[in-house]
Structures are given as C-alpha cells and as structure tokens.
Amino acid sequence: MNEDLADKICVPCRGGVPPLRGDDLEKLLQEVPLWKVEREHHIHREFNFEDFQQALDFVNRVGALAEEQGHHPDIFLAWGKADITLWTHKIDGLTESDFIMAAKIDRLSAH
C-alpha cells in the first residue's frame, strides 16, 4: 500500500542528485493535482481566503511546518491570498521532498 505523501518526511537534499523530470515528475504531480509545475523546475499553488487575517494565519502555519520539515517554500502574502512556490535550491530543481511539502501544505489548507 502506498504511503500518503503528506505522511512522509522531507529529506534534506545534499546535492548530487538529478532533479525530477518527465514521468517521475508527472507521477508525483498526480498526488498534488492542485499544484502547477513550472518549466519542470518548481511547483506553485495559489490559496485564496476571505480576508488578510485568514491568509496570514495560513502563512504562519505553513511557516511553522516549513521549520519543522526543514524545507522552506517561497511565500507571497497579499490580501485574501497566499502564493506558494516550492523547489529544491540545492539542485535547482524538483525532488520528492517538494511534493511531500506540497501535500502537507494541502493538508493544512483543508483545516
């Protein structure tokens, strides 16, 4: 039985591994279908809220999760929305940990 991505732990990248491409990338994307892949380099999702406070609260929860996982997204906060972008800086591309973090963020947004 496959383990849910959101239940996995982000693994620090030490470099020297190739970024995900093609079918490997598409397979993981199926598990976080609300995220968009940009140039096989990063994944992005926009989250919408009713006001600034709800967006800020969400961003703070994402920040705490990022610290816990040691995997830090780029976050843009505005009134009623938060844009989140993930990629593994060490290899300048995508790893499974980016998709694990995306799944964990999706889980946060559902609460």
C-alpha atoms as a PDB file:
ATOM      1  CA  MET A   1       0.000   0.000   0.000  1.00  0.00           C
ATOM      2  CA  ASN A   2       1.396   3.417  -0.958  1.00  0.00           C
ATOM      3  CA  GLU A   3       2.148   5.802   1.849  1.00  0.00           C
ATOM      4  CA  ASP A   4       0.351   9.138   1.525  1.00  0.00           C
ATOM      5  CA  LEU A   5       2.821  11.858   0.524  1.00  0.00           C
ATOM      6  CA  ALA A   6       1.617  14.077   3.367  1.00  0.00           C
ATOM      7  CA  ASP A   7       2.639  11.383   5.876  1.00  0.00           C
ATOM      8  CA  LYS A   8       6.230  11.260   4.640  1.00  0.00           C
ATOM      9  CA  ILE A   9       9.072  13.394   5.989  1.00  0.00           C
ATOM     10  CA  CYS A  10      11.006  15.848   3.839  1.00  0.00           C
ATOM     11  CA  VAL A  11      14.572  14.643   3.394  1.00  0.00           C
ATOM     12  CA  PRO A  12      17.311  17.267   3.187  1.00  0.00           C
ATOM     13  CA  CYS A  13      18.951  17.316  -0.221  1.00  0.00           C
ATOM     14  CA  ARG A  14      22.714  17.126  -0.145  1.00  0.00           C
ATOM     15  CA  GLY A  15      23.075  17.766  -3.862  1.00  0.00           C
ATOM     16  CA  GLY A  16      24.497  15.462  -6.477  1.00  0.00           C
ATOM     17  CA  VAL A  17      21.103  14.045  -7.459  1.00  0.00           C
ATOM     18  CA  PRO A  18      19.336  14.934 -10.690  1.00  0.00           C
ATOM     19  CA  PRO A  19      16.082  16.893 -10.468  1.00  0.00           C
ATOM     20  CA  LEU A  20      12.854  15.070 -11.255  1.00  0.00           C
ATOM     21  CA  ARG A  21      11.741  15.203 -14.890  1.00  0.00           C
ATOM     22  CA  GLY A  22       9.164  13.665 -17.209  1.00  0.00           C
ATOM     23  CA  ASP A  23       7.175  10.667 -15.998  1.00  0.00           C
ATOM     24  CA  ASP A  24       8.662  10.731 -12.475  1.00  0.00           C
ATOM     25  CA  LEU A  25       7.541  14.328 -12.116  1.00  0.00           C
ATOM     26  CA  GLU A  26       4.073  13.668 -13.556  1.00  0.00           C
ATOM     27  CA  LYS A  27       3.517  10.703 -11.240  1.00  0.00           C
ATOM     28  CA  LEU A  28       4.149  12.818  -8.133  1.00  0.00           C
ATOM     29  CA  LEU A  29       2.085  15.701  -9.510  1.00  0.00           C
ATOM     30  CA  GLN A  30      -0.934  13.381  -9.654  1.00  0.00           C
ATOM     31  CA  GLU A  31      -0.776  13.211  -5.866  1.00  0.00           C
ATOM     32  CA  VAL A  32      -0.997  17.016  -5.539  1.00  0.00           C
ATOM     33  CA  PRO A  33      -3.245  17.898  -8.500  1.00  0.00           C
ATOM     34  CA  LEU A  34      -3.946  21.490  -7.426  1.00  0.00           C
ATOM     35  CA  TRP A  35      -0.270  22.400  -7.855  1.00  0.00           C
ATOM     36  CA  LYS A  36       1.142  23.508 -11.189  1.00  0.00           C
ATOM     37  CA  VAL A  37       4.583  22.551 -12.491  1.00  0.00           C
ATOM     38  CA  GLU A  38       6.526  25.453 -13.983  1.00  0.00           C
ATOM     39  CA  ARG A  39       9.238  24.520 -16.548  1.00  0.00           C
ATOM     40  CA  GLU A  40       9.950  21.228 -14.699  1.00  0.00           C
ATOM     41  CA  HIS A  41      11.752  23.455 -12.177  1.00  0.00           C
ATOM     42  CA  HIS A  42       9.264  24.381  -9.441  1.00  0.00           C
ATOM     43  CA  ILE A  43       5.688  23.826  -8.337  1.00  0.00           C
ATOM     44  CA  HIS A  44       3.244  26.581  -7.463  1.00  0.00           C
ATOM     45  CA  ARG A  45      -0.203  26.970  -5.953  1.00  0.00           C
ATOM     46  CA  GLU A  46      -2.363  29.940  -5.036  1.00  0.00           C
ATOM     47  CA  PHE A  47      -4.537  29.709  -1.932  1.00  0.00           C
ATOM     48  CA  ASN A  48      -7.496  32.090  -1.562  1.00  0.00           C
ATOM     49  CA  PHE A  49      -9.051  33.348   1.664  1.00  0.00           C
ATOM     50  CA  GLU A  50     -11.846  35.675   2.722  1.00  0.00           C
ATOM     51  CA  ASP A  51      -9.520  38.300   4.180  1.00  0.00           C
ATOM     52  CA  PHE A  52      -5.960  39.196   5.061  1.00  0.00           C
ATOM     53  CA  GLN A  53      -6.073  37.680   8.555  1.00  0.00           C
ATOM     54  CA  GLN A  54      -7.052  34.231   7.295  1.00  0.00           C
ATOM     55  CA  ALA A  55      -4.290  34.345   4.686  1.00  0.00           C
ATOM     56  CA  LEU A  56      -1.782  35.453   7.335  1.00  0.00           C
ATOM     57  CA  ASP A  57      -2.852  32.689   9.721  1.00  0.00           C
ATOM     58  CA  PHE A  58      -2.372  30.131   6.932  1.00  0.00           C
ATOM     59  CA  VAL A  59       1.059  31.524   6.033  1.00  0.00           C
ATOM     60  CA  ASN A  60       2.098  31.304   9.685  1.00  0.00           C
ATOM     61  CA  ARG A  61       1.009  27.644   9.813  1.00  0.00           C
ATOM     62  CA  VAL A  62       2.953  26.958   6.608  1.00  0.00           C
ATOM     63  CA  GLY A  63       5.990  28.703   8.116  1.00  0.00           C
ATOM     64  CA  ALA A  64       5.848  26.540  11.230  1.00  0.00           C
ATOM     65  CA  LEU A  65       5.525  23.415   9.063  1.00  0.00           C
ATOM     66  CA  ALA A  66       8.481  24.531   6.930  1.00  0.00           C
ATOM     67  CA  GLU A  67      10.650  24.921  10.018  1.00  0.00           C
ATOM     68  CA  GLU A  68       9.552  21.511  11.307  1.00  0.00           C
ATOM     69  CA  GLN A  69      10.333  19.836   7.959  1.00  0.00           C
ATOM     70  CA  GLY A  70      13.471  21.841   7.168  1.00  0.00           C
ATOM     71  CA  HIS A  71      12.020  22.568   3.724  1.00  0.00           C
ATOM     72  CA  HIS A  72      11.229  26.211   3.064  1.00  0.00           C
ATOM     73  CA  PRO A  73       8.904  27.475   0.317  1.00  0.00           C
ATOM     74  CA  ASP A  74       8.795  30.914  -1.223  1.00  0.00           C
ATOM     75  CA  ILE A  75       5.623  32.565   0.059  1.00  0.00           C
ATOM     76  CA  PHE A  76       3.867  35.655  -1.246  1.00  0.00           C
ATOM     77  CA  LEU A  77       1.178  37.021   1.075  1.00  0.00           C
ATOM     78  CA  ALA A  78      -1.473  39.505  -0.054  1.00  0.00           C
ATOM     79  CA  TRP A  79      -4.990  40.428   0.971  1.00  0.00           C
ATOM     80  CA  GLY A  80      -7.042  37.253   0.648  1.00  0.00           C
ATOM     81  CA  LYS A  81      -4.355  35.083  -0.881  1.00  0.00           C
ATOM     82  CA  ALA A  82      -1.072  33.281  -0.397  1.00  0.00           C
ATOM     83  CA  ASP A  83       1.045  32.103  -3.325  1.00  0.00           C
ATOM     84  CA  ILE A  84       3.439  29.275  -2.510  1.00  0.00           C
ATOM     85  CA  THR A  85       6.315  28.081  -4.685  1.00  0.00           C
ATOM     86  CA  LEU A  86       8.473  25.050  -3.947  1.00  0.00           C
ATOM     87  CA  TRP A  87      11.710  23.680  -5.395  1.00  0.00           C
ATOM     88  CA  THR A  88      14.939  22.289  -4.031  1.00  0.00           C
ATOM     89  CA  HIS A  89      17.509  25.055  -4.201  1.00  0.00           C
ATOM     90  CA  LYS A  90      20.464  22.716  -3.685  1.00  0.00           C
ATOM     91  CA  ILE A  91      19.874  21.048  -7.072  1.00  0.00           C
ATOM     92  CA  ASP A  92      17.958  23.934  -8.694  1.00  0.00           C
ATOM     93  CA  GLY A  93      15.005  21.685  -9.472  1.00  0.00           C
ATOM     94  CA  LEU A  94      12.361  19.399  -8.016  1.00  0.00           C
ATOM     95  CA  THR A  95      12.747  16.446  -5.638  1.00  0.00           C
ATOM     96  CA  GLU A  96      10.210  14.222  -3.918  1.00  0.00           C
ATOM     97  CA  SER A  97      10.515  16.445  -0.834  1.00  0.00           C
ATOM     98  CA  ASP A  98       8.934  19.336  -2.754  1.00  0.00           C
ATOM     99  CA  PHE A  99       5.877  17.185  -3.403  1.00  0.00           C
ATOM    100  CA  ILE A 100       5.834  15.937   0.190  1.00  0.00           C
ATOM    101  CA  MET A 101       5.809  19.545   1.383  1.00  0.00           C
ATOM    102  CA  ALA A 102       3.070  20.425  -1.131  1.00  0.00           C
ATOM    103  CA  ALA A 103       0.918  17.557   0.189  1.00  0.00           C
ATOM    104  CA  LYS A 104       1.497  18.688   3.769  1.00  0.00           C
ATOM    105  CA  ILE A 105       0.524  22.265   2.824  1.00  0.00           C
ATOM    106  CA  ASP A 106      -2.618  20.946   1.097  1.00  0.00           C
ATOM    107  CA  ARG A 107      -3.498  19.120   4.300  1.00  0.00           C
ATOM    108  CA  LEU A 108      -3.029  22.355   6.273  1.00  0.00           C
ATOM    109  CA  SER A 109      -5.317  24.237   3.903  1.00  0.00           C
ATOM    110  CA  ALA A 110      -8.092  21.722   4.478  1.00  0.00           C
ATOM    111  CA  HIS A 111      -8.279  22.590   8.192  1.00  0.00           C
END
